Amino acid sequence: MTDNNKQHETQQLTDYTEARNKMNHSMMEDAQRIEGAGPPQKTDFRTLPKPLRIFGYCVMALLAAMLVFGVMTGFMD
């Protein structure tokens, strides 16, 4: 009952070397190697703590409100 397609739990399921080679930032290569974090990845904001997400939403809402206020006062001249 051996299945050759199965991988051991310590083996990677996907090969990340191709993705690493696609993003070649020569200026950041040394820093990435030192940090051991690999290539830059997109941030998943859904994984951030809830208070931090709420703070971010409030900041974005304030920026949008200031933009609308600025446009409205510009037309009132």
Protein backbone atom coordinates (compact mmCIF):
# COMPACT_ATOMS: atom_id res chain seq x y z
CA MET A 1 0.00 0.00 0.00
CA THR A 2 2.69 2.45 -0.85
CA ASP A 3 1.71 5.45 -2.89
CA ASN A 4 4.58 7.16 -4.69
CA ASN A 5 2.59 10.39 -5.16
CA LYS A 6 2.38 11.03 -1.44
CA GLN A 7 4.96 13.27 0.14
CA HIS A 8 6.34 13.10 3.62
CA GLU A 9 5.06 15.77 5.99
CA THR A 10 8.50 17.39 6.11
CA GLN A 11 8.72 17.82 2.33
CA GLN A 12 7.49 20.94 0.57
CA LEU A 13 4.32 20.59 -1.46
CA THR A 14 5.32 23.21 -4.00
CA ASP A 15 8.61 24.37 -5.41
CA TYR A 16 9.25 27.96 -4.41
CA THR A 17 12.51 28.36 -6.30
CA GLU A 18 10.71 29.38 -9.49
CA ALA A 19 8.82 32.13 -7.71
CA ARG A 20 12.02 33.25 -6.03
CA ASN A 21 13.82 33.47 -9.38
CA LYS A 22 11.01 35.50 -10.96
CA MET A 23 11.34 38.31 -8.43
CA ASN A 24 14.96 39.30 -8.82
CA HIS A 25 15.68 42.50 -6.90
CA SER A 26 19.45 42.72 -7.03
CA MET A 27 19.60 45.60 -4.55
CA MET A 28 17.56 43.65 -2.01
CA GLU A 29 19.11 40.24 -2.60
CA ASP A 30 21.67 40.49 0.21
CA ALA A 31 19.14 41.77 2.74
CA GLN A 32 16.67 39.04 1.82
CA ARG A 33 19.32 36.36 2.18
CA ILE A 34 20.41 37.73 5.57
CA GLU A 35 16.84 37.95 6.85
CA GLY A 36 15.99 34.51 5.56
CA ALA A 37 12.49 35.65 4.65
CA GLY A 38 12.68 34.87 0.96
CA PRO A 39 11.23 37.05 -1.77
CA PRO A 40 8.77 39.85 -0.96
CA GLN A 41 5.20 38.69 -0.60
CA LYS A 42 1.89 40.50 -0.74
CA THR A 43 0.41 41.31 2.64
CA ASP A 44 -2.85 39.61 3.50
CA PHE A 45 -4.70 42.27 5.48
CA ARG A 46 -7.33 39.78 6.62
CA THR A 47 -4.72 38.17 8.86
CA LEU A 48 -3.93 41.39 10.75
CA PRO A 49 -5.35 41.85 14.27
CA LYS A 50 -8.85 43.31 14.34
CA PRO A 51 -7.93 46.58 16.18
CA LEU A 52 -5.23 47.28 13.61
CA ARG A 53 -7.65 46.68 10.74
CA ILE A 54 -10.24 48.98 12.34
CA PHE A 55 -7.58 51.67 12.78
CA GLY A 56 -6.61 51.32 9.12
CA TYR A 57 -10.22 51.60 8.00
CA CYS A 58 -10.66 54.75 10.14
CA VAL A 59 -7.54 56.34 8.65
CA MET A 60 -8.73 55.57 5.11
CA ALA A 61 -12.19 56.98 5.90
CA LEU A 62 -10.64 60.17 7.29
CA LEU A 63 -8.49 60.58 4.19
CA ALA A 64 -11.53 60.13 1.96
CA ALA A 65 -13.53 62.63 4.03
CA MET A 66 -10.71 65.19 3.84
CA LEU A 67 -10.55 64.73 0.07
CA VAL A 68 -14.29 65.24 -0.31
CA PHE A 69 -14.19 68.27 2.02
CA GLY A 70 -11.30 69.77 0.06
CA VAL A 71 -13.08 69.32 -3.27
CA MET A 72 -16.31 70.80 -1.88
CA THR A 73 -14.59 73.87 -0.44
CA GLY A 74 -12.71 74.34 -3.70
CA PHE A 75 -15.98 74.65 -5.60
CA MET A 76 -17.42 77.17 -3.11
CA ASP A 77 -15.02 79.96 -4.05
